[in-house]
Amino acid sequence: MSWINRVRKAIPFIAKKEQSPDNLWHKCSGCGQMIFTREWEENLSVCPKCNHHGRIGPAERFAQILDEGSASLLPVPQVKEDPLKFRDTKKYADRIRAARAATGDQDALINASGTIEGAPVVIGVQNFAYMGGSMGVAVGAAFVQGIEEAIARNCPYIIFTAAGGARMQEGILSLMQMPRATVAIRQLHDAGLPYIVVLTDPTTGGVTASYAMLGDIQIAEPNALIGFAGQRVIENTIREKLPEGFQRAEYLLAHGMLDMVVDRKDMKQRLAQITAYLMPRKAA
């Protein structure tokens, strides 16, 4: 009998290994503190010690923002997969299968219609866990789909961005989604409907250079990384030292790039206020 089993026999309340699940604790990537997973989830994946906002996927975001029971997922647009038959260390088709297995999502942008405190909206959420939330043809098609659904429902389109940029495996086709998204936003404006952007950590590259910075209202979560190129790349290009945190949400807010920085726990209420102001509903 090993010493640990002898101790367990003498002190029966010590849990056996099989009674202690591996996911009992979550390590905050912001401060490094260990937090009970249950406490982490109940706090909307935000660290209660340092307020670091963890990355979440579409399912969690829809549950947090949309009224209970109102969410309805839009069907994923069908596009040609692996149009360039791209291969690096792996086949692109294999990367797509792995990303779908890991996230349960068909691609990096998922749309849902629903209500926020009774007001109809269409929401798109990018999932950074799906190939870094990268923008390919499928993401462009989903973005256009969300805009068209918002026009059909006569309601705002709200996009939660999280991306490393354009998807390199689709080459020029991924870059073509930048003007495609811009045209769709113009159609939304022509219909007299608001386009609201919520930038989450991280939002970079071609996504920042297109639809992430074209919102009528620009919101960000605290300390979200937002930029086009990385700080080191910019410093090497201009040969100057950049201010600390110059690509973080608070710095961008102070320099006029954002309208507000909102904690996740307050996001639903703030979006409700904005949509009520931009889309006032007539009294019954």
Protein backbone atom coordinates (compact mmCIF):
# COMPACT_ATOMS: atom_id res chain seq x y z
CA MET A 1 0.00 0.00 0.00
CA SER A 2 1.45 3.39 -1.03
CA TRP A 3 1.83 6.19 1.50
CA ILE A 4 -0.94 8.28 -0.11
CA ASN A 5 -3.42 5.41 0.18
CA ARG A 6 -2.45 4.94 3.83
CA VAL A 7 -3.10 8.65 4.43
CA ARG A 8 -6.46 8.43 2.63
CA LYS A 9 -7.42 5.44 4.77
CA ALA A 10 -6.58 7.40 7.93
CA ILE A 11 -8.14 10.65 6.65
CA PRO A 12 -11.13 9.63 4.52
CA PHE A 13 -12.11 13.16 3.40
CA ILE A 14 -9.04 13.43 1.12
CA ALA A 15 -10.46 13.02 -2.38
CA LYS A 16 -9.22 10.26 -4.61
CA LYS A 17 -7.69 11.25 -7.94
CA GLU A 18 -10.77 10.23 -9.90
CA GLN A 19 -12.88 12.53 -7.69
CA SER A 20 -10.82 15.63 -8.62
CA PRO A 21 -11.52 16.64 -12.21
CA ASP A 22 -8.69 18.18 -14.22
CA ASN A 23 -10.84 21.20 -15.18
CA LEU A 24 -11.55 22.24 -11.58
CA TRP A 25 -9.24 25.26 -11.91
CA HIS A 26 -8.70 27.90 -14.59
CA LYS A 27 -5.42 29.82 -14.84
CA CYS A 28 -6.00 33.47 -15.73
CA SER A 29 -3.81 34.43 -18.69
CA GLY A 30 -3.82 38.01 -17.43
CA CYS A 31 -2.53 37.73 -13.86
CA GLY A 32 -1.66 34.03 -13.68
CA GLN A 33 -3.93 33.41 -10.70
CA MET A 34 -5.74 30.10 -10.33
CA ILE A 35 -9.52 30.52 -10.25
CA PHE A 36 -12.23 27.96 -9.72
CA THR A 37 -13.61 27.12 -13.16
CA ARG A 38 -17.13 27.50 -11.86
CA GLU A 39 -16.35 30.98 -10.53
CA TRP A 40 -14.69 31.86 -13.87
CA GLU A 41 -17.75 30.78 -15.85
CA GLU A 42 -20.22 32.45 -13.50
CA ASN A 43 -18.24 35.68 -13.90
CA LEU A 44 -18.71 35.52 -17.72
CA SER A 45 -15.13 34.29 -18.31
CA VAL A 46 -13.72 37.44 -16.68
CA CYS A 47 -11.04 37.20 -13.99
CA PRO A 48 -12.48 38.41 -10.64
CA LYS A 49 -8.99 39.42 -9.52
CA CYS A 50 -7.56 41.43 -12.45
CA ASN A 51 -10.64 41.90 -14.70
CA HIS A 52 -8.93 40.16 -17.61
CA HIS A 53 -11.59 39.37 -20.23
CA GLY A 54 -11.05 35.85 -21.53
CA ARG A 55 -11.84 34.83 -25.08
CA ILE A 56 -15.24 33.23 -25.61
CA GLY A 57 -17.03 31.72 -28.59
CA PRO A 58 -20.36 32.39 -30.30
CA ALA A 59 -22.47 30.13 -28.05
CA GLU A 60 -21.32 31.89 -24.87
CA ARG A 61 -21.67 35.32 -26.44
CA PHE A 62 -25.21 34.73 -27.69
CA ALA A 63 -26.22 33.42 -24.27
CA GLN A 64 -24.81 36.54 -22.57
CA ILE A 65 -26.21 39.15 -24.97
CA LEU A 66 -29.51 37.90 -26.38
CA ASP A 67 -32.69 37.55 -24.34
CA GLU A 68 -33.27 34.04 -23.04
CA GLY A 69 -35.01 31.88 -25.59
CA SER A 70 -34.82 34.47 -28.38
CA ALA A 71 -31.63 33.34 -30.13
CA SER A 72 -32.01 31.68 -33.52
CA LEU A 73 -28.84 30.68 -35.39
CA LEU A 74 -28.69 31.63 -39.05
CA PRO A 75 -27.75 28.81 -41.43
CA VAL A 76 -24.06 28.88 -42.35
CA PRO A 77 -23.53 30.07 -45.96
CA GLN A 78 -22.19 27.37 -48.27
CA VAL A 79 -18.95 28.35 -50.00
CA LYS A 80 -16.25 26.49 -51.85
CA GLU A 81 -13.76 25.14 -49.33
CA ASP A 82 -10.03 25.17 -50.05
CA PRO A 83 -10.42 27.00 -53.39
CA LEU A 84 -6.64 27.17 -53.91
CA LYS A 85 -5.89 23.59 -52.79
CA PHE A 86 -3.46 25.16 -50.34
CA ARG A 87 -0.93 23.21 -48.36
CA ASP A 88 1.83 24.27 -45.95
CA THR A 89 2.90 21.88 -43.20
CA LYS A 90 -0.67 20.51 -43.41
CA LYS A 91 -3.40 20.50 -45.98
CA TYR A 92 -5.81 23.40 -45.57
CA ALA A 93 -8.71 20.94 -45.71
CA ASP A 94 -7.22 19.12 -42.70
CA ARG A 95 -6.91 22.40 -40.78
CA ILE A 96 -10.57 23.14 -41.46
CA ARG A 97 -11.62 19.72 -40.17
CA ALA A 98 -9.49 20.14 -37.05
CA ALA A 99 -10.92 23.62 -36.35
CA ARG A 100 -14.48 22.34 -36.72
CA ALA A 101 -13.81 19.42 -34.42
CA ALA A 102 -12.24 21.69 -31.78
CA THR A 103 -14.92 24.42 -31.81
CA GLY A 104 -18.08 22.77 -33.12
CA ASP A 105 -18.51 25.72 -35.53
CA GLN A 106 -18.54 25.53 -39.33
CA ASP A 107 -16.31 28.59 -39.65
CA ALA A 108 -14.99 31.58 -37.74
CA LEU A 109 -18.09 33.82 -37.97
CA ILE A 110 -21.53 32.72 -36.75
CA ASN A 111 -24.71 34.82 -36.92
CA ALA A 112 -27.86 34.71 -34.82
CA SER A 113 -31.03 36.75 -34.72
CA GLY A 114 -32.84 37.53 -31.49
CA THR A 115 -33.72 40.34 -29.13
CA ILE A 116 -31.90 42.47 -26.56
CA GLU A 117 -34.38 43.53 -23.88
CA GLY A 118 -37.13 43.06 -26.44
CA ALA A 119 -35.46 44.96 -29.30
CA PRO A 120 -34.77 42.85 -32.43
CA VAL A 121 -31.13 42.54 -33.53
CA VAL A 122 -28.86 40.36 -35.64
CA ILE A 123 -25.52 39.52 -34.04
CA GLY A 124 -22.36 38.11 -35.61
CA VAL A 125 -19.60 36.64 -33.44
CA GLN A 126 -16.10 35.76 -34.58
CA ASN A 127 -14.47 32.83 -32.82
CA PHE A 128 -10.73 33.26 -32.30
CA ALA A 129 -10.47 29.57 -31.44
CA TYR A 130 -11.35 28.78 -35.07
CA MET A 131 -8.06 29.34 -36.92
CA GLY A 132 -7.47 32.60 -35.08
CA GLY A 133 -10.83 33.99 -36.21
CA SER A 134 -9.22 34.55 -39.61
CA MET A 135 -11.22 36.13 -42.42
CA GLY A 136 -11.76 33.90 -45.44
CA VAL A 137 -14.48 33.54 -48.04
CA ALA A 138 -16.80 31.85 -45.53
CA VAL A 139 -16.39 34.71 -43.05
CA GLY A 140 -17.10 37.25 -45.80
CA ALA A 141 -20.21 35.34 -46.85
CA ALA A 142 -21.41 35.11 -43.23
CA PHE A 143 -20.85 38.84 -42.73
CA VAL A 144 -22.92 39.67 -45.82
CA GLN A 145 -25.56 37.19 -44.65
CA GLY A 146 -25.79 38.96 -41.28
CA ILE A 147 -26.20 42.34 -42.97
CA GLU A 148 -28.91 41.02 -45.31
CA GLU A 149 -30.77 39.43 -42.41
CA ALA A 150 -30.65 42.70 -40.46
CA ILE A 151 -32.06 44.57 -43.48
CA ALA A 152 -34.82 41.97 -43.86
CA ARG A 153 -35.70 42.29 -40.15
CA ASN A 154 -35.27 46.09 -40.14
CA CYS A 155 -32.92 45.97 -37.16
CA PRO A 156 -29.27 46.77 -36.27
CA TYR A 157 -26.38 44.46 -37.10
CA ILE A 158 -23.93 43.99 -34.22
CA ILE A 159 -20.58 42.31 -34.85
CA PHE A 160 -18.23 41.02 -32.13
CA THR A 161 -14.79 40.89 -33.76
CA ALA A 162 -11.89 38.65 -32.76
CA ALA A 163 -9.36 37.89 -35.47
CA GLY A 164 -5.72 37.61 -36.40
CA GLY A 165 -6.47 39.01 -39.85
CA ALA A 166 -7.05 37.57 -43.32
CA ARG A 167 -6.78 33.81 -43.85
CA MET A 168 -3.49 33.17 -45.62
CA GLN A 169 -4.62 29.79 -47.00
CA GLU A 170 -7.10 31.59 -49.26
CA GLY A 171 -4.71 34.22 -50.60
CA ILE A 172 -6.25 37.08 -52.58
CA LEU A 173 -9.72 35.61 -52.08
CA SER A 174 -9.48 36.42 -48.37
CA LEU A 175 -8.43 40.02 -49.09
CA MET A 176 -11.42 40.42 -51.42
CA GLN A 177 -13.66 40.08 -48.35
CA MET A 178 -12.53 43.52 -47.16
CA PRO A 179 -14.27 45.53 -49.95
CA ARG A 180 -17.09 42.99 -49.97
CA ALA A 181 -17.83 43.73 -46.31
CA THR A 182 -17.55 47.48 -46.93
CA VAL A 183 -20.18 47.32 -49.67
CA ALA A 184 -22.50 45.33 -47.38
CA ILE A 185 -22.15 47.97 -44.64
CA ARG A 186 -23.07 50.65 -47.19
CA GLN A 187 -26.24 48.69 -48.02
CA LEU A 188 -27.11 48.60 -44.32
CA HIS A 189 -26.64 52.36 -44.10
CA ASP A 190 -28.73 52.91 -47.24
CA ALA A 191 -31.52 51.04 -45.43
CA GLY A 192 -31.18 53.49 -42.53
CA LEU A 193 -30.04 50.81 -40.06
CA PRO A 194 -27.22 50.99 -37.47
CA TYR A 195 -23.99 49.03 -37.64
CA ILE A 196 -22.45 48.47 -34.21
CA VAL A 197 -18.97 47.01 -33.66
CA VAL A 198 -17.71 45.43 -30.44
CA LEU A 199 -13.97 44.79 -30.63
CA THR A 200 -12.71 41.97 -28.44
CA ASP A 201 -9.24 40.63 -27.79
CA PRO A 202 -7.57 40.40 -30.27
CA THR A 203 -8.79 42.24 -33.36
CA THR A 204 -5.96 42.71 -35.85
CA GLY A 205 -4.91 42.61 -39.50
CA GLY A 206 -7.34 42.81 -42.39
CA VAL A 207 -10.36 42.66 -40.12
CA THR A 208 -9.24 45.84 -38.37
CA ALA A 209 -8.53 47.38 -41.78
CA SER A 210 -12.10 46.76 -42.92
CA TYR A 211 -15.38 46.10 -41.11
CA ALA A 212 -14.00 46.28 -37.56
CA MET A 213 -13.40 50.04 -37.85
CA LEU A 214 -16.48 51.08 -39.83
CA GLY A 215 -19.09 50.98 -37.07
CA ASP A 216 -21.53 53.76 -36.36
CA ILE A 217 -20.68 53.00 -32.73
CA GLN A 218 -17.26 51.57 -31.83
CA ILE A 219 -17.15 49.65 -28.53
CA ALA A 220 -14.36 47.52 -27.06
CA GLU A 221 -13.91 45.20 -24.12
CA PRO A 222 -11.32 46.27 -21.51
CA ASN A 223 -7.65 45.87 -22.51
CA ALA A 224 -8.54 44.34 -25.88
CA LEU A 225 -5.63 44.25 -28.34
CA ILE A 226 -6.66 46.22 -31.43
CA GLY A 227 -4.40 47.05 -34.35
CA PHE A 228 -3.29 46.27 -37.88
CA ALA A 229 0.36 45.23 -37.59
CA GLY A 230 2.15 44.17 -34.41
CA GLN A 231 3.99 46.67 -32.23
CA ARG A 232 7.43 45.23 -33.00
CA VAL A 233 6.78 45.37 -36.76
CA ILE A 234 5.71 49.02 -36.52
CA GLU A 235 8.70 49.96 -34.35
CA ASN A 236 11.12 48.30 -36.79
CA THR A 237 9.45 50.12 -39.69
CA ILE A 238 9.35 53.66 -38.27
CA ARG A 239 12.42 53.12 -36.01
CA GLU A 240 10.75 54.75 -33.04
CA LYS A 241 9.71 53.47 -29.64
CA LEU A 242 5.93 53.37 -29.33
CA PRO A 243 4.01 54.22 -26.13
CA GLU A 244 3.23 51.35 -23.78
CA GLY A 245 -0.16 49.83 -24.49
CA PHE A 246 -0.76 51.96 -27.59
CA GLN A 247 -2.77 49.15 -29.20
CA ARG A 248 -4.98 48.50 -26.20
CA ALA A 249 -8.61 49.56 -25.95
CA GLU A 250 -8.06 52.22 -23.27
CA TYR A 251 -5.32 53.97 -25.28
CA LEU A 252 -7.48 53.96 -28.41
CA LEU A 253 -10.42 55.37 -26.43
CA ALA A 254 -8.25 58.20 -25.09
CA HIS A 255 -7.10 59.03 -28.65
CA GLY A 256 -10.52 59.06 -30.31
CA MET A 257 -10.51 55.67 -32.07
CA LEU A 258 -13.30 54.24 -29.90
CA ASP A 259 -16.54 55.54 -28.49
CA MET A 260 -16.50 53.52 -25.28
CA VAL A 261 -14.90 50.64 -23.40
CA VAL A 262 -17.48 48.43 -21.70
CA ASP A 263 -17.07 45.57 -19.23
CA ARG A 264 -18.62 42.29 -20.32
CA LYS A 265 -21.06 42.29 -17.41
CA ASP A 266 -22.44 45.64 -18.62
CA MET A 267 -22.38 44.87 -22.36
CA LYS A 268 -25.97 43.71 -22.77
CA GLN A 269 -27.41 46.73 -20.97
CA ARG A 270 -25.21 49.13 -22.92
CA LEU A 271 -26.17 47.58 -26.26
CA ALA A 272 -29.82 47.79 -25.22
CA GLN A 273 -29.40 51.51 -24.51
CA ILE A 274 -27.67 52.13 -27.84
CA THR A 275 -30.18 50.19 -29.93
CA ALA A 276 -33.08 51.89 -28.13
CA TYR A 277 -31.56 55.28 -28.95
CA LEU A 278 -30.73 54.46 -32.58
CA MET A 279 -33.90 52.46 -33.28
CA PRO A 280 -36.67 53.93 -31.11
CA ARG A 281 -39.74 51.72 -31.11
CA LYS A 282 -43.19 53.24 -31.40
CA ALA A 283 -45.42 52.86 -28.39
CA ALA A 284 -48.05 50.15 -28.79
